[in-house]
C-alpha atoms as a PDB file:
ATOM      1  CA  MET A   1      -0.119   0.154  -0.089  1.00  0.00           C
ATOM      2  CA  THR A   2       2.788   2.117  -0.007  1.00  0.00           C
ATOM      3  CA  GLU A   3       4.401   2.222  -3.388  1.00  0.00           C
ATOM      4  CA  HIS A   4       2.348   5.211  -4.872  1.00  0.00           C
ATOM      5  CA  VAL A   5       4.210   7.472  -2.518  1.00  0.00           C
ATOM      6  CA  TRP A   6       7.399   6.713  -3.715  1.00  0.00           C
ATOM      7  CA  SER A   7       6.213   8.297  -7.327  1.00  0.00           C
ATOM      8  CA  TYR A   8       5.470  11.848  -8.411  1.00  0.00           C
ATOM      9  CA  THR A   9       1.873  12.666  -9.091  1.00  0.00           C
ATOM     10  CA  SER A  10       0.921  13.514 -12.854  1.00  0.00           C
ATOM     11  CA  THR A  11       0.173  16.506 -11.510  1.00  0.00           C
ATOM     12  CA  SER A  12       3.297  17.862  -9.608  1.00  0.00           C
ATOM     13  CA  GLY A  13       5.280  19.154 -13.017  1.00  0.00           C
ATOM     14  CA  HIS A  14       8.244  16.922 -12.332  1.00  0.00           C
ATOM     15  CA  LEU A  15      10.063  15.985 -15.358  1.00  0.00           C
ATOM     16  CA  ALA A  16      12.365  13.033 -15.237  1.00  0.00           C
ATOM     17  CA  GLY A  17      15.903  13.765 -15.501  1.00  0.00           C
ATOM     18  CA  THR A  18      15.558  17.294 -13.700  1.00  0.00           C
ATOM     19  CA  ASP A  19      18.276  18.369 -11.696  1.00  0.00           C
ATOM     20  CA  LEU A  20      16.182  18.975  -8.138  1.00  0.00           C
ATOM     21  CA  THR A  21      18.815  19.703  -6.014  1.00  0.00           C
ATOM     22  CA  GLY A  22      19.204  22.983  -4.044  1.00  0.00           C
ATOM     23  CA  TYR A  23      15.670  23.705  -4.972  1.00  0.00           C
ATOM     24  CA  LYS A  24      13.922  25.263  -1.817  1.00  0.00           C
ATOM     25  CA  VAL A  25      11.765  23.057  -0.359  1.00  0.00           C
ATOM     26  CA  GLU A  26       8.173  24.499   0.900  1.00  0.00           C
ATOM     27  CA  ALA A  27       5.885  22.653   3.813  1.00  0.00           C
ATOM     28  CA  THR A  28       1.801  24.189   3.978  1.00  0.00           C
ATOM     29  CA  ASP A  29       2.882  26.637   6.447  1.00  0.00           C
ATOM     30  CA  GLY A  30       6.907  27.737   5.766  1.00  0.00           C
ATOM     31  CA  SER A  31      10.095  26.441   4.625  1.00  0.00           C
ATOM     32  CA  VAL A  32      11.630  23.196   5.384  1.00  0.00           C
ATOM     33  CA  GLY A  33      15.133  23.677   3.608  1.00  0.00           C
ATOM     34  CA  LYS A  34      16.813  22.710   0.510  1.00  0.00           C
ATOM     35  CA  VAL A  35      17.164  19.442  -1.828  1.00  0.00           C
ATOM     36  CA  ASP A  36      20.551  17.957  -0.927  1.00  0.00           C
ATOM     37  CA  LYS A  37      19.800  14.747  -3.342  1.00  0.00           C
ATOM     38  CA  HIS A  38      17.033  13.399  -5.052  1.00  0.00           C
ATOM     39  CA  SER A  39      15.918  10.187  -7.023  1.00  0.00           C
ATOM     40  CA  ASP A  40      13.561   9.601  -9.998  1.00  0.00           C
ATOM     41  CA  GLU A  41      13.784   5.752  -9.880  1.00  0.00           C
ATOM     42  CA  VAL A  42      10.680   4.538 -10.674  1.00  0.00           C
ATOM     43  CA  GLY A  43       8.939   3.197  -7.577  1.00  0.00           C
ATOM     44  CA  ASP A  44      11.398   4.744  -5.030  1.00  0.00           C
ATOM     45  CA  ALA A  45      11.705   8.399  -6.138  1.00  0.00           C
ATOM     46  CA  TYR A  46      12.242  10.856  -3.160  1.00  0.00           C
ATOM     47  CA  LEU A  47      13.676  14.162  -1.891  1.00  0.00           C
ATOM     48  CA  VAL A  48      16.816  14.209   0.849  1.00  0.00           C
ATOM     49  CA  VAL A  49      16.051  17.765   2.234  1.00  0.00           C
ATOM     50  CA  ASP A  50      18.741  19.837   4.507  1.00  0.00           C
ATOM     51  CA  THR A  51      16.916  21.469   7.001  1.00  0.00           C
ATOM     52  CA  GLY A  52      19.595  23.558   7.665  1.00  0.00           C
ATOM     53  CA  VAL A  53      18.734  25.116  11.416  1.00  0.00           C
ATOM     54  CA  TRP A  54      15.421  24.677  10.989  1.00  0.00           C
ATOM     55  CA  ILE A  55      15.777  21.085  13.169  1.00  0.00           C
ATOM     56  CA  PHE A  56      19.356  21.480  13.779  1.00  0.00           C
ATOM     57  CA  GLY A  57      20.650  20.939  10.916  1.00  0.00           C
ATOM     58  CA  LYS A  58      19.474  17.433  10.252  1.00  0.00           C
ATOM     59  CA  GLU A  59      18.254  15.694   6.756  1.00  0.00           C
ATOM     60  CA  VAL A  60      14.834  14.334   6.356  1.00  0.00           C
ATOM     61  CA  LEU A  61      13.762  11.980   3.288  1.00  0.00           C
ATOM     62  CA  LEU A  62      10.449  13.007   1.710  1.00  0.00           C
ATOM     63  CA  PRO A  63       8.643  10.638  -0.388  1.00  0.00           C
ATOM     64  CA  ALA A  64       7.961  12.049  -4.272  1.00  0.00           C
ATOM     65  CA  GLY A  65       4.381  11.251  -3.365  1.00  0.00           C
ATOM     66  CA  THR A  66       4.468  14.307  -0.737  1.00  0.00           C
ATOM     67  CA  VAL A  67       5.259  16.793  -3.497  1.00  0.00           C
ATOM     68  CA  VAL A  68       2.356  18.806  -5.193  1.00  0.00           C
ATOM     69  CA  ARG A  69       4.008  21.282  -7.423  1.00  0.00           C
ATOM     70  CA  ILE A  70       7.840  22.027  -8.457  1.00  0.00           C
ATOM     71  CA  ASP A  71       8.523  25.417  -9.759  1.00  0.00           C
ATOM     72  CA  PRO A  72      11.163  25.206 -11.778  1.00  0.00           C
ATOM     73  CA  ASP A  73      11.539  29.444 -12.314  1.00  0.00           C
ATOM     74  CA  ASP A  74      11.673  29.914  -8.640  1.00  0.00           C
ATOM     75  CA  ARG A  75      13.361  26.460  -7.872  1.00  0.00           C
ATOM     76  CA  LYS A  76      10.803  25.747  -5.419  1.00  0.00           C
ATOM     77  CA  ILE A  77       9.111  22.659  -4.657  1.00  0.00           C
ATOM     78  CA  PHE A  78       5.745  22.404  -2.800  1.00  0.00           C
ATOM     79  CA  VAL A  79       4.815  19.097  -0.332  1.00  0.00           C
ATOM     80  CA  ASP A  80       1.508  18.821   1.164  1.00  0.00           C
ATOM     81  CA  ARG A  81       2.664  18.104   4.926  1.00  0.00           C
ATOM     82  CA  THR A  82       3.234  20.768   7.765  1.00  0.00           C
ATOM     83  CA  LYS A  83       6.845  21.243   9.367  1.00  0.00           C
ATOM     84  CA  GLU A  84       5.307  19.393  12.343  1.00  0.00           C
ATOM     85  CA  GLN A  85       4.453  16.473  10.277  1.00  0.00           C
ATOM     86  CA  ILE A  86       7.919  16.410   8.706  1.00  0.00           C
ATOM     87  CA  LYS A  87       9.634  16.961  11.772  1.00  0.00           C
ATOM     88  CA  ASP A  88       7.316  13.895  13.952  1.00  0.00           C
ATOM     89  CA  ALA A  89       8.505  11.464  10.840  1.00  0.00           C
ATOM     90  CA  PRO A  90      11.176   8.682  11.604  1.00  0.00           C
ATOM     91  CA  GLU A  91      14.055  10.205  12.019  1.00  0.00           C
ATOM     92  CA  PHE A  92      16.905   9.956   9.062  1.00  0.00           C
ATOM     93  CA  HIS A  93      20.401   9.201   8.881  1.00  0.00           C
ATOM     94  CA  ARG A  94      21.564   8.728   5.045  1.00  0.00           C
ATOM     95  CA  ASP A  95      24.249   6.029   5.646  1.00  0.00           C
ATOM     96  CA  GLN A  96      21.825   4.195   7.373  1.00  0.00           C
ATOM     97  CA  HIS A  97      18.406   4.615   5.742  1.00  0.00           C
ATOM     98  CA  LEU A  98      19.211   5.395   1.967  1.00  0.00           C
ATOM     99  CA  GLY A  99      19.038   1.722   0.712  1.00  0.00           C
ATOM    100  CA  ASP A 100      16.599   0.028   3.992  1.00  0.00           C
ATOM    101  CA  ARG A 101      13.692  -1.052   2.495  1.00  0.00           C
ATOM    102  CA  GLY A 102      12.461  -1.439   6.201  1.00  0.00           C
ATOM    103  CA  TYR A 103      13.074   2.201   7.037  1.00  0.00           C
ATOM    104  CA  HIS A 104      11.252   3.192   3.511  1.00  0.00           C
ATOM    105  CA  GLU A 105       8.443   0.973   4.382  1.00  0.00           C
ATOM    106  CA  GLU A 106       8.141   2.617   7.600  1.00  0.00           C
ATOM    107  CA  LEU A 107       8.214   5.710   6.027  1.00  0.00           C
ATOM    108  CA  GLY A 108       5.901   4.863   3.558  1.00  0.00           C
ATOM    109  CA  THR A 109       3.353   3.911   5.835  1.00  0.00           C
ATOM    110  CA  TYR A 110       3.663   7.233   7.566  1.00  0.00           C
ATOM    111  CA  TYR A 111       3.543   8.933   4.871  1.00  0.00           C
ATOM    112  CA  GLY A 112       1.042   7.162   2.527  1.00  0.00           C
ATOM    113  CA  ILE A 113      -2.470   5.390   2.674  1.00  0.00           C
ATOM    114  CA  GLY A 114      -3.622   3.949   5.705  1.00  0.00           C
ATOM    115  CA  GLY A 115      -0.624   6.548   7.567  1.00  0.00           C
ATOM    116  CA  PRO A 116      -1.405   9.241  10.150  1.00  0.00           C
ATOM    117  CA  PHE A 117      -1.159  11.710   7.236  1.00  0.00           C
ATOM    118  CA  GLY A 118      -2.262   9.880   4.379  1.00  0.00           C
ATOM    119  CA  GLY A 119      -5.922   8.540   3.189  1.00  0.00           C
ATOM    120  CA  PRO A 120      -7.780   5.949   4.787  1.00  0.00           C
ATOM    121  CA  ALA A 121      -7.012   2.604   4.880  1.00  0.00           C
ATOM    122  CA  VAL A 122      -8.035   0.425   2.132  1.00  0.00           C
END
């Protein structure tokens, strides 16, 4: 049930192959940080966001399904979560979690259908 959260929606404006590194990430209630790394891999697309001072220099992993709009002119990515929801997500450590299927499943459940901020369980 979490696979869709790891893919960009057709309405996000994402173009495969676009380098999103350095784009600012905006939650529904303000700035989250900047994209440090991203993946366009089918079924495993994500953004690694450097939060800067907002949560003490930590990085967060956002599944591509959280992206609602990409503005290439302003180099901004808009996600459909609040800063608090992002802050409360399972903690991310790049060296541990990037290739960890268990972590991806946990994060996918958190952000996806049946999770606390996704749609209803089906």
